[in-house]
Amino acid sequence: MVRAYAHGRSTAVAAMTENDGSFLLEDLAAGEYAVCVGSIEGRRPVCVPEVEIEAEDATNLDLKAGQSFAIIGDSWLQGRASFAQSYRASGLGLTMARIKAFGPSRRVHIQLLRGNGTSGEAVGPSRTTGRVGGEGSTAVSWAGAEAATVPGQIYTIKMSADDGKTWIPAVAGGGNVFSLGSAYFGEIHSPYSDLGISICEDNDSLRTDYSLVGRGRMHRAISAGQSFTALSENITFASATLKGIDSAPGYVRFSIHEGGLGGRQIGPSKAVAPSSSSTVAWGPDEVVVRPGQRYYLHIESLSGKEFLAAYKSDTYALGSAAFNGREAGDKDIIATVAGHIAEEDFDRLMGHPAKVETIPLSSPSFENGLGKWRRDVLHGEIVGCSYGAVPYWGTRMFGWTNEQKGEGTRVVIYQKVKVRKNEWYVFSGWVYTDHRGGRSSDVKIRLVALAQGQDAVRNNAFVETSQWYATEGRWRRGSVQFKAEAELVSVGFDLEQRFNLESSSLYIDGAHLQRIGGR
């Protein structure tokens, strides 16, 4: 289900996707909308808080539910009491893990450990799944700060069966398919194996303030809610596991409040029908919050008739559930609240291990168009992100599209930046290329740095570059290191179209320049 909420309005326009994932939201009035897709097992929710709809015009939006990695487990092995899988973190915290299991059903305790192996220090609380087995799968989740991680460091997810019983996880039939980690069968390291597991992290613009998923008991109520600690700078997304009673109530409304139960409401409420994945969205400026402060998600029947809200026993230490206006300190509702990542978290996520300082760039996500960026040829035109790509970090973004251009068409977008001569720098950014006609590998992108500060951004004799990327319709991060040979250098992105295509497009988000120590 895809929903679009007009800014300042309560109700949504919704549509189910077709078998191929396409969807159509019809008869939207002109204006600004927040568009969202609820989280599904083992995938992060998708929320685009600012989409502009113009009168009598169609808008294309390419939504992709995200995972940090997913290992397909189509094989299994002898049962043991515990298994583990190591991985290299790419985000600020582990937010979801999905496992698959064969054999008898077991509850499985999932704990994040520091380092590579099963003897590392525990990071955050453990989570316990419902019973899983017989080729079934299940997921558990954390708020983004509960199991905090440092991007680039190694962690291990340890999975132990309830009461020390043996269980049988899925294993990648292809052996060592995840090069950044490996499996542990009990205490035995299996470097050429990987467990069938999917994980999600806070590594994009959506910060997970609160999240609890899975099966739980149901509480009958006219209103329900959950207090939580904000990690984000606003609230743009919320979902909960609800159920109507005899087709009533028709709708419930979600709202965010200051402090705990009974606090002042922030921004408008949003209405949705109760379901197993009731989902709402706000615009980026509708519910502004402060990271570290306490807030409350309130869900209330519009008709005054009761509904069922799923909950678990006290699982989230930084807040508690409430039903019918009374706090239930021993319960937490099954819900997710998320918003934009805070500026300091963005810097931490993008930070190089040897970072000394961050150098400001004009319009790093191209949210204000070209700004001080330059384009070295006339190919391409600036288009809004409504052309298809969802911004990875910002709420607004621009891209460049080459229409009906020939083989070898190139566009270099670059910016001159003041730096310190003879110091080392790293330039990084997230890139997304798209095309019509041909293959994904027909469109390539690389990051470039002109350390001498000239304008010869096409001359390979003068530029330092990253590898060429064929992003294949996904956001991918690239970086290039260089030593400044002048006090004014150029950094940018080089798009190349290899063959004749109907069109080729480039989107850039989160451009980041840092001064670092030694190379």
Protein backbone atom coordinates (compact mmCIF):
# COMPACT_ATOMS: atom_id res chain seq x y z
CA MET A 1 0.00 0.00 0.00
CA VAL A 2 1.35 3.40 -1.06
CA ARG A 3 -0.12 6.48 0.64
CA ALA A 4 0.17 10.19 -0.16
CA TYR A 5 -0.74 12.74 2.56
CA ALA A 6 -1.20 16.37 1.56
CA HIS A 7 0.74 18.71 3.83
CA GLY A 8 -1.58 20.13 6.48
CA ARG A 9 -4.28 17.57 5.73
CA SER A 10 -5.29 14.49 7.68
CA THR A 11 -6.54 11.99 5.12
CA ALA A 12 -4.54 10.14 2.48
CA VAL A 13 -4.90 9.02 -1.11
CA ALA A 14 -3.81 5.38 -1.27
CA ALA A 15 -3.19 2.70 -3.89
CA MET A 16 -2.05 -0.92 -3.90
CA THR A 17 0.92 -1.81 -6.05
CA GLU A 18 0.57 -4.10 -9.04
CA ASN A 19 2.45 -7.41 -9.25
CA ASP A 20 5.42 -5.63 -10.83
CA GLY A 21 5.52 -3.03 -8.02
CA SER A 22 4.05 -0.16 -10.06
CA PHE A 23 1.37 2.04 -8.52
CA LEU A 24 -0.87 4.93 -9.54
CA LEU A 25 -2.27 7.63 -7.25
CA GLU A 26 -4.96 9.44 -9.21
CA ASP A 27 -6.80 12.76 -8.93
CA LEU A 28 -4.38 14.41 -6.52
CA ALA A 29 -4.95 18.13 -6.08
CA ALA A 30 -1.95 20.31 -6.84
CA GLY A 31 0.26 20.86 -3.80
CA GLU A 32 2.91 19.24 -1.63
CA TYR A 33 2.58 15.68 -0.31
CA ALA A 34 4.36 13.20 1.92
CA VAL A 35 4.43 9.75 0.29
CA CYS A 36 5.16 6.57 2.23
CA VAL A 37 5.27 2.79 2.09
CA GLY A 38 5.11 0.93 5.40
CA SER A 39 7.86 -1.36 6.60
CA ILE A 40 7.56 -5.02 5.68
CA GLU A 41 9.41 -7.92 7.25
CA GLY A 42 13.14 -7.39 6.85
CA ARG A 43 12.90 -4.08 4.96
CA ARG A 44 12.96 -0.46 6.07
CA PRO A 45 9.95 1.78 5.46
CA VAL A 46 10.12 4.33 2.67
CA CYS A 47 9.09 7.95 3.26
CA VAL A 48 9.46 10.90 0.89
CA PRO A 49 8.23 13.84 2.97
CA GLU A 50 8.17 16.43 0.19
CA VAL A 51 6.78 15.63 -3.26
CA GLU A 52 5.37 18.47 -5.33
CA ILE A 53 2.32 17.75 -7.49
CA GLU A 54 1.54 20.24 -10.22
CA ALA A 55 -1.91 20.73 -11.73
CA GLU A 56 -2.72 18.67 -14.82
CA ASP A 57 0.68 16.99 -14.73
CA ALA A 58 2.00 13.51 -13.89
CA THR A 59 4.79 12.95 -11.38
CA ASN A 60 7.01 9.86 -11.40
CA LEU A 61 8.35 8.56 -8.10
CA ASP A 62 10.70 5.58 -7.81
CA LEU A 63 10.37 4.06 -4.31
CA LYS A 64 12.77 1.34 -3.17
CA ALA A 65 12.44 -0.45 0.16
CA GLY A 66 15.93 -0.73 1.63
CA GLN A 67 18.13 -3.33 3.28
CA SER A 68 21.75 -3.05 4.29
CA PHE A 69 22.32 -6.57 3.04
CA ALA A 70 20.34 -9.76 2.46
CA ILE A 71 21.81 -13.26 2.20
CA ILE A 72 19.49 -15.74 0.53
CA GLY A 73 19.47 -18.91 2.61
CA ASP A 74 18.41 -21.89 0.51
CA SER A 75 20.32 -24.58 2.40
CA TRP A 76 20.70 -25.79 5.99
CA LEU A 77 23.01 -27.81 8.22
CA GLN A 78 23.16 -29.73 11.47
CA GLY A 79 21.35 -28.03 14.34
CA ARG A 80 23.22 -26.24 17.14
CA ALA A 81 22.21 -24.08 20.09
CA SER A 82 23.72 -20.90 18.60
CA PHE A 83 24.94 -19.41 15.35
CA ALA A 84 26.38 -16.01 14.39
CA GLN A 85 27.07 -13.83 11.38
CA SER A 86 29.61 -11.01 11.23
CA TYR A 87 29.23 -7.93 9.03
CA ARG A 88 30.76 -4.52 8.42
CA ALA A 89 28.44 -1.74 9.63
CA SER A 90 27.37 0.89 7.13
CA GLY A 91 25.06 2.83 9.44
CA LEU A 92 24.54 4.49 12.82
CA GLY A 93 22.71 1.55 14.33
CA LEU A 94 21.16 -1.83 13.68
CA THR A 95 17.40 -1.38 13.24
CA MET A 96 16.10 -4.72 11.95
CA ALA A 97 17.21 -8.32 11.49
CA ARG A 98 15.32 -11.07 9.68
CA ILE A 99 16.24 -14.74 9.96
CA LYS A 100 15.00 -17.90 8.29
CA ALA A 101 14.94 -21.29 9.98
CA PHE A 102 14.31 -24.95 9.16
CA GLY A 103 13.27 -27.79 11.43
CA PRO A 104 11.33 -27.50 14.72
CA SER A 105 10.05 -24.05 15.68
CA ARG A 106 12.12 -22.19 18.24
CA ARG A 107 12.23 -18.72 19.77
CA VAL A 108 15.62 -17.21 18.93
CA HIS A 109 17.47 -14.56 20.96
CA ILE A 110 19.33 -12.09 18.73
CA GLN A 111 22.20 -10.05 20.22
CA LEU A 112 24.58 -7.62 18.52
CA LEU A 113 28.24 -8.04 19.56
CA ARG A 114 31.24 -5.82 18.98
CA GLY A 115 33.98 -7.22 16.74
CA ASN A 116 34.37 -10.35 14.68
CA GLY A 117 33.35 -13.44 16.66
CA THR A 118 31.04 -14.64 19.39
CA SER A 119 33.01 -13.40 22.41
CA GLY A 120 32.69 -9.66 21.83
CA GLU A 121 31.01 -7.13 24.10
CA ALA A 122 27.21 -6.90 23.78
CA VAL A 123 25.90 -3.79 22.03
CA GLY A 124 22.41 -2.77 23.10
CA PRO A 125 19.58 -5.05 24.23
CA SER A 126 18.84 -8.47 22.77
CA ARG A 127 15.59 -9.21 20.97
CA THR A 128 13.62 -12.46 20.98
CA THR A 129 11.71 -13.66 17.93
CA GLY A 130 8.44 -15.51 17.86
CA ARG A 131 8.67 -19.25 17.16
CA VAL A 132 10.31 -19.79 13.78
CA GLY A 133 11.09 -22.99 11.86
CA GLY A 134 9.87 -25.16 8.99
CA GLU A 135 11.36 -22.80 6.36
CA GLY A 136 9.65 -19.83 7.99
CA SER A 137 11.15 -16.41 8.63
CA THR A 138 10.71 -13.73 11.26
CA ALA A 139 12.10 -10.28 12.08
CA VAL A 140 12.98 -8.22 15.14
CA SER A 141 13.80 -4.51 15.39
CA TRP A 142 15.52 -1.85 17.48
CA ALA A 143 15.32 1.91 17.77
CA GLY A 144 18.32 3.44 16.01
CA ALA A 145 20.16 4.33 19.24
CA GLU A 146 19.58 1.03 21.05
CA ALA A 147 22.16 -0.96 19.08
CA ALA A 148 24.39 1.91 17.97
CA THR A 149 27.23 1.14 15.56
CA VAL A 150 30.21 2.94 14.03
CA PRO A 151 30.23 2.86 10.21
CA GLY A 152 33.08 0.77 8.87
CA GLN A 153 33.62 -1.32 12.00
CA ILE A 154 32.96 -5.08 12.28
CA TYR A 155 30.08 -6.45 14.35
CA THR A 156 28.61 -9.90 14.89
CA ILE A 157 24.96 -10.88 15.23
CA LYS A 158 24.65 -13.86 17.58
CA MET A 159 21.49 -15.99 17.45
CA SER A 160 20.74 -18.44 20.27
CA ALA A 161 17.73 -20.73 20.60
CA ASP A 162 15.39 -20.43 23.57
CA ASP A 163 16.35 -22.60 26.59
CA GLY A 164 19.55 -23.76 24.88
CA LYS A 165 17.71 -25.99 22.40
CA THR A 166 19.19 -26.71 18.99
CA TRP A 167 17.79 -25.00 15.92
CA ILE A 168 18.59 -24.92 12.20
CA PRO A 169 19.13 -21.57 10.43
CA ALA A 170 19.14 -21.04 6.70
CA VAL A 171 22.62 -20.97 5.12
CA ALA A 172 23.69 -19.50 1.78
CA GLY A 173 23.86 -22.43 -0.63
CA GLY A 174 26.49 -20.55 -2.62
CA GLY A 175 28.89 -20.56 0.33
CA ASN A 176 30.79 -17.33 1.00
CA VAL A 177 28.45 -14.91 -0.78
CA PHE A 178 28.91 -11.96 1.63
CA SER A 179 32.52 -10.86 1.41
CA LEU A 180 32.35 -8.44 4.37
CA GLY A 181 31.47 -11.07 6.96
CA SER A 182 31.27 -14.77 7.75
CA ALA A 183 29.32 -17.35 9.73
CA TYR A 184 29.95 -19.03 13.09
CA PHE A 185 28.46 -22.45 13.78
CA GLY A 186 28.40 -22.38 17.55
CA GLU A 187 31.95 -21.30 18.41
CA ILE A 188 33.40 -22.64 15.15
CA HIS A 189 34.38 -19.94 12.66
CA SER A 190 33.24 -20.78 9.12
CA PRO A 191 34.88 -18.11 6.94
CA TYR A 192 33.56 -19.60 3.70
CA SER A 193 29.92 -19.67 4.79
CA ASP A 194 27.20 -17.09 5.45
CA LEU A 195 23.90 -17.45 7.26
CA GLY A 196 20.63 -16.62 5.56
CA ILE A 197 19.99 -13.26 7.20
CA SER A 198 18.84 -9.75 6.26
CA ILE A 199 19.68 -6.63 8.24
CA CYS A 200 18.66 -2.98 8.08
CA GLU A 201 20.54 0.00 9.48
CA ASP A 202 20.06 3.74 9.88
CA ASN A 203 22.22 4.56 6.87
CA ASP A 204 19.97 6.84 4.86
CA SER A 205 17.88 9.94 5.61
CA LEU A 206 15.27 8.06 7.67
CA ARG A 207 16.31 7.86 11.34
CA THR A 208 14.52 5.22 13.42
CA ASP A 209 13.36 6.97 16.60
CA TYR A 210 11.38 3.95 17.85
CA SER A 211 10.66 0.53 16.39
CA LEU A 212 9.16 -2.71 17.63
CA VAL A 213 7.99 -5.38 15.18
CA GLY A 214 6.86 -9.00 15.20
CA ARG A 215 3.98 -10.83 16.82
CA GLY A 216 2.43 -9.62 20.05
CA ARG A 217 -0.67 -9.70 22.17
CA MET A 218 -3.64 -7.45 21.36
CA HIS A 219 -5.07 -4.79 23.69
CA ARG A 220 -8.65 -3.57 23.23
CA ALA A 221 -8.83 0.22 23.48
CA ILE A 222 -10.26 3.49 22.18
CA SER A 223 -6.79 5.03 22.24
CA ALA A 224 -3.24 3.70 22.45
CA GLY A 225 0.19 5.22 22.31
CA GLN A 226 3.91 5.01 23.01
CA SER A 227 6.41 7.40 24.57
CA PHE A 228 9.87 7.45 22.99
CA THR A 229 13.09 9.44 22.72
CA ALA A 230 13.62 11.25 19.42
CA LEU A 231 16.78 10.72 17.39
CA SER A 232 15.65 12.73 14.37
CA GLU A 233 15.05 16.41 13.65
CA ASN A 234 11.42 15.88 12.70
CA ILE A 235 8.85 13.09 12.53
CA THR A 236 7.88 12.15 8.97
CA PHE A 237 6.69 8.54 9.36
CA ALA A 238 4.76 6.37 11.83
CA SER A 239 3.16 2.95 11.65
CA ALA A 240 1.50 0.53 14.05
CA THR A 241 0.02 -2.96 14.11
CA LEU A 242 -3.72 -2.43 14.64
CA LYS A 243 -6.95 -4.29 13.98
CA GLY A 244 -10.57 -3.16 13.79
CA ILE A 245 -13.32 -4.97 15.66
CA ASP A 246 -16.24 -6.04 13.44
CA SER A 247 -15.12 -3.55 10.75
CA ALA A 248 -15.03 -0.71 13.28
CA PRO A 249 -13.62 1.84 13.72
CA GLY A 250 -13.29 2.94 10.12
CA TYR A 251 -10.32 5.20 10.88
CA VAL A 252 -7.83 6.03 13.60
CA ARG A 253 -5.70 9.16 13.77
CA PHE A 254 -2.01 9.35 14.57
CA SER A 255 -0.53 12.42 16.28
CA ILE A 256 2.79 13.35 17.93
CA HIS A 257 2.91 15.10 21.32
CA GLU A 258 5.55 16.75 23.46
CA GLY A 259 6.77 14.85 26.50
CA GLY A 260 4.71 11.85 27.48
CA LEU A 261 1.03 11.02 27.65
CA GLY A 262 -1.11 14.18 27.64
CA GLY A 263 1.54 16.49 26.18
CA ARG A 264 0.85 19.27 23.69
CA GLN A 265 0.24 18.06 20.14
CA ILE A 266 2.85 19.02 17.53
CA GLY A 267 1.60 19.48 13.99
CA PRO A 268 -1.50 17.94 12.39
CA SER A 269 -2.89 14.46 12.99
CA LYS A 270 -3.04 11.92 10.15
CA ALA A 271 -5.85 9.39 9.67
CA VAL A 272 -5.69 5.82 8.38
CA ALA A 273 -7.73 2.62 8.58
CA PRO A 274 -6.59 0.14 11.27
CA SER A 275 -4.61 -2.74 9.78
CA SER A 276 -1.55 -4.89 10.40
CA SER A 277 0.54 -2.07 8.90
CA SER A 278 -1.34 1.17 9.52
CA THR A 279 1.01 3.82 8.13
CA VAL A 280 1.00 7.63 8.02
CA ALA A 281 3.39 10.34 6.86
CA TRP A 282 4.05 14.01 7.55
CA GLY A 283 5.82 16.75 5.62
CA PRO A 284 9.35 17.78 6.72
CA ASP A 285 8.16 20.91 8.56
CA GLU A 286 4.91 19.61 10.05
CA VAL A 287 6.31 17.84 13.14
CA VAL A 288 9.65 19.36 14.13
CA VAL A 289 11.34 17.72 17.15
CA ARG A 290 14.65 17.88 19.00
CA PRO A 291 16.98 14.85 19.17
CA GLY A 292 17.27 13.51 22.70
CA GLN A 293 13.90 14.87 23.85
CA ARG A 294 10.93 12.74 24.93
CA TYR A 295 7.79 12.56 22.74
CA TYR A 296 4.59 10.55 22.53
CA LEU A 297 2.87 8.80 19.60
CA HIS A 298 -0.91 8.90 20.12
CA ILE A 299 -3.38 6.71 18.18
CA GLU A 300 -7.08 7.38 18.71
CA SER A 301 -10.33 6.04 17.24
CA LEU A 302 -12.14 8.70 15.21
CA SER A 303 -15.57 7.20 15.88
CA GLY A 304 -15.08 6.39 19.54
CA LYS A 305 -15.36 2.66 18.84
CA GLU A 306 -12.69 0.26 20.09
CA PHE A 307 -9.85 -1.26 18.10
CA LEU A 308 -7.06 -3.71 18.90
CA ALA A 309 -3.45 -2.55 19.29
CA ALA A 310 -0.59 -5.07 19.31
CA TYR A 311 1.97 -4.84 22.11
CA LYS A 312 4.83 -6.74 23.73
CA SER A 313 6.06 -6.89 27.30
CA ASP A 314 8.42 -4.10 28.35
CA THR A 315 10.97 -4.31 25.49
CA TYR A 316 11.92 -0.66 24.87
CA ALA A 317 13.70 0.82 27.89
CA LEU A 318 13.34 4.50 26.90
CA GLY A 319 9.52 4.67 26.91
CA SER A 320 6.28 2.82 27.51
CA ALA A 321 2.82 2.20 26.09
CA ALA A 322 -0.47 3.78 27.16
CA PHE A 323 -4.05 2.58 26.67
CA ASN A 324 -7.21 4.67 27.14
CA GLY A 325 -5.24 7.49 28.72
CA ARG A 326 -3.40 5.34 31.24
CA GLU A 327 0.29 4.56 31.08
CA ALA A 328 1.26 0.87 30.93
CA GLY A 329 4.89 0.82 32.02
CA ASP A 330 5.19 -2.93 31.50
CA LYS A 331 4.19 -2.79 27.81
CA ASP A 332 5.34 -1.28 24.49
CA ILE A 333 3.16 -1.12 21.40
CA ILE A 334 4.31 -2.65 18.12
CA ALA A 335 4.99 0.49 16.12
CA THR A 336 7.65 2.45 14.25
CA VAL A 337 8.38 6.19 14.38
CA ALA A 338 11.01 7.76 12.13
CA GLY A 339 12.19 11.11 10.82
CA HIS A 340 15.06 12.96 9.20
CA ILE A 341 18.57 12.21 10.34
CA ALA A 342 20.15 14.89 12.53
CA GLU A 343 22.99 17.00 11.12
CA GLU A 344 25.56 15.70 13.61
CA ASP A 345 24.57 12.11 12.79
CA PHE A 346 24.95 12.79 9.08
CA ASP A 347 28.48 14.05 9.71
CA ARG A 348 29.24 10.98 11.81
CA LEU A 349 27.86 8.63 9.18
CA MET A 350 29.82 10.27 6.36
CA GLY A 351 32.95 10.85 8.41
CA HIS A 352 36.32 9.51 7.29
CA PRO A 353 38.23 7.73 10.12
CA ALA A 354 41.06 10.29 9.81
CA LYS A 355 38.80 13.35 9.46
CA VAL A 356 40.21 16.62 10.78
CA GLU A 357 37.43 18.94 9.59
CA THR A 358 34.50 19.11 7.17
CA ILE A 359 34.71 21.68 4.35
CA PRO A 360 31.35 23.34 3.56
CA LEU A 361 30.00 22.82 0.04
CA SER A 362 27.30 24.82 -1.68
CA SER A 363 24.05 22.83 -2.00
CA PRO A 364 25.60 19.41 -1.24
CA SER A 365 22.41 17.57 -2.20
CA PHE A 366 21.65 20.00 -5.05
CA GLU A 367 18.50 20.89 -3.13
CA ASN A 368 18.78 24.47 -4.45
CA GLY A 369 19.72 23.60 -8.01
CA LEU A 370 23.21 24.21 -9.32
CA GLY A 371 24.16 26.84 -6.73
CA LYS A 372 27.95 27.25 -7.10
CA TRP A 373 28.25 24.01 -9.04
CA ARG A 374 29.28 24.29 -12.69
CA ARG A 375 28.53 22.12 -15.71
CA ASP A 376 31.24 21.76 -18.33
CA VAL A 377 28.96 21.13 -21.38
CA LEU A 378 25.46 22.00 -22.52
CA HIS A 379 24.23 18.43 -22.42
CA GLY A 380 21.47 17.75 -19.95
CA GLU A 381 18.85 19.81 -18.20
CA ILE A 382 18.04 20.27 -14.54
CA VAL A 383 14.97 18.34 -13.48
CA GLY A 384 13.30 17.85 -10.12
CA CYS A 385 13.60 14.61 -8.21
CA SER A 386 9.99 14.00 -9.27
CA TYR A 387 11.52 12.69 -12.49
CA GLY A 388 11.84 9.41 -10.64
CA ALA A 389 14.59 9.21 -8.02
CA VAL A 390 13.84 9.59 -4.33
CA PRO A 391 16.37 11.82 -2.52
CA TYR A 392 18.68 9.75 -0.33
CA TRP A 393 19.27 12.52 2.21
CA GLY A 394 17.41 15.73 1.51
CA THR A 395 13.74 16.41 0.86
CA ARG A 396 14.48 18.22 -2.39
CA MET A 397 16.97 17.26 -5.06
CA PHE A 398 17.84 18.02 -8.64
CA GLY A 399 19.33 15.84 -11.35
CA TRP A 400 20.66 16.07 -14.88
CA THR A 401 19.08 14.31 -17.85
CA ASN A 402 20.55 13.83 -21.32
CA GLU A 403 17.75 13.33 -23.86
CA GLN A 404 18.51 11.65 -27.21
CA LYS A 405 22.27 12.17 -27.00
CA GLY A 406 24.79 10.03 -28.80
CA GLU A 407 27.60 7.69 -27.89
CA GLY A 408 30.24 9.09 -25.55
CA THR A 409 28.04 11.88 -24.17
CA ARG A 410 29.60 13.20 -20.96
CA VAL A 411 28.59 15.77 -18.35
CA VAL A 412 30.90 16.89 -15.53
CA ILE A 413 29.33 18.72 -12.59
CA TYR A 414 31.99 20.37 -10.40
CA GLN A 415 32.56 23.04 -7.77
CA LYS A 416 35.57 25.12 -6.78
CA VAL A 417 36.36 24.94 -3.06
CA LYS A 418 38.88 26.81 -0.92
CA VAL A 419 41.26 24.40 0.90
CA ARG A 420 44.73 24.28 2.48
CA LYS A 421 47.58 23.68 0.07
CA ASN A 422 49.60 20.45 0.56
CA GLU A 423 46.91 18.92 2.83
CA TRP A 424 45.07 15.63 2.13
CA TYR A 425 41.31 15.57 1.42
CA VAL A 426 38.60 13.03 0.67
CA PHE A 427 35.60 13.91 -1.50
CA SER A 428 32.59 11.60 -1.28
CA GLY A 429 28.95 11.52 -2.27
CA TRP A 430 25.98 9.32 -3.10
CA VAL A 431 25.18 8.89 -6.78
CA TYR A 432 22.25 7.39 -8.66
CA THR A 433 22.24 6.87 -12.43
CA ASP A 434 19.28 5.89 -14.55
CA HIS A 435 18.60 5.38 -18.23
CA ARG A 436 16.01 4.50 -20.82
CA GLY A 437 16.98 2.04 -23.50
CA GLY A 438 20.12 -0.09 -23.41
CA ARG A 439 21.58 -1.67 -20.26
CA SER A 440 22.42 -0.32 -16.84
CA SER A 441 26.15 -0.60 -17.58
CA ASP A 442 25.71 1.82 -20.50
CA VAL A 443 25.65 4.72 -17.99
CA LYS A 444 28.70 5.23 -15.74
CA ILE A 445 29.59 7.70 -13.02
CA ARG A 446 32.81 8.56 -11.20
CA LEU A 447 33.90 11.17 -8.65
CA VAL A 448 36.68 13.55 -9.72
CA ALA A 449 39.04 15.94 -7.94
CA LEU A 450 41.25 18.49 -9.69
CA ALA A 451 43.94 19.05 -7.10
CA GLN A 452 45.64 21.82 -9.14
CA GLY A 453 42.51 23.96 -9.09
CA GLN A 454 42.10 24.38 -12.84
CA ASP A 455 39.06 23.68 -15.01
CA ALA A 456 40.47 20.70 -16.93
CA VAL A 457 37.96 18.36 -15.31
CA ARG A 458 37.91 16.09 -18.39
CA ASN A 459 41.67 15.66 -18.63
CA ASN A 460 42.76 12.39 -17.01
CA ALA A 461 46.31 13.70 -16.73
CA PHE A 462 45.19 16.30 -14.18
CA VAL A 463 42.32 14.68 -12.20
CA GLU A 464 42.21 12.15 -9.39
CA THR A 465 39.19 9.89 -9.73
CA SER A 466 37.25 7.14 -8.05
CA GLN A 467 36.45 3.98 -9.97
CA TRP A 468 33.66 4.11 -12.54
CA TYR A 469 30.29 3.00 -11.12
CA ALA A 470 27.29 1.51 -12.87
CA THR A 471 24.80 2.14 -10.07
CA GLU A 472 22.08 -0.05 -11.66
CA GLY A 473 19.24 2.06 -10.31
CA ARG A 474 20.50 2.18 -6.71
CA TRP A 475 22.11 4.81 -4.53
CA ARG A 476 25.82 4.04 -4.17
CA ARG A 477 28.52 5.95 -2.33
CA GLY A 478 31.83 6.74 -3.97
CA SER A 479 34.91 8.64 -2.79
CA VAL A 480 38.25 9.94 -4.03
CA GLN A 481 41.29 11.06 -2.01
CA PHE A 482 43.73 13.71 -3.18
CA LYS A 483 46.47 16.08 -2.01
CA ALA A 484 45.66 19.73 -2.65
CA GLU A 485 48.25 21.41 -4.87
CA ALA A 486 46.50 24.80 -4.80
CA GLU A 487 44.35 26.80 -2.40
CA LEU A 488 41.34 26.55 -4.72
CA VAL A 489 40.55 23.04 -6.02
CA SER A 490 37.68 21.50 -7.99
CA VAL A 491 35.60 18.47 -6.96
CA GLY A 492 32.72 16.92 -8.82
CA PHE A 493 31.01 14.09 -10.70
CA ASP A 494 31.59 12.77 -14.21
CA LEU A 495 28.68 11.06 -16.03
CA GLU A 496 29.33 9.13 -19.24
CA GLN A 497 26.82 7.56 -21.63
CA ARG A 498 28.55 4.79 -23.59
CA PHE A 499 26.02 4.20 -26.39
CA ASN A 500 23.02 5.86 -28.02
CA LEU A 501 20.22 5.88 -25.43
CA GLU A 502 16.79 7.43 -25.24
CA SER A 503 17.96 9.20 -22.08
CA SER A 504 20.51 9.01 -19.29
CA SER A 505 20.18 10.66 -15.87
CA LEU A 506 22.38 11.55 -12.94
CA TYR A 507 21.29 12.32 -9.38
CA ILE A 508 23.67 13.37 -6.60
CA ASP A 509 23.04 13.59 -2.86
CA GLY A 510 25.13 14.23 0.23
CA ALA A 511 28.31 15.55 -1.44
CA HIS A 512 30.91 15.77 1.34
CA LEU A 513 34.48 17.15 1.44
CA GLN A 514 36.71 16.44 4.44
CA ARG A 515 40.29 17.30 5.34
CA ILE A 516 42.02 14.19 6.65
CA GLY A 517 45.35 13.26 8.19
CA GLY A 518 47.90 11.19 6.29
CA ARG A 519 46.68 9.33 3.23
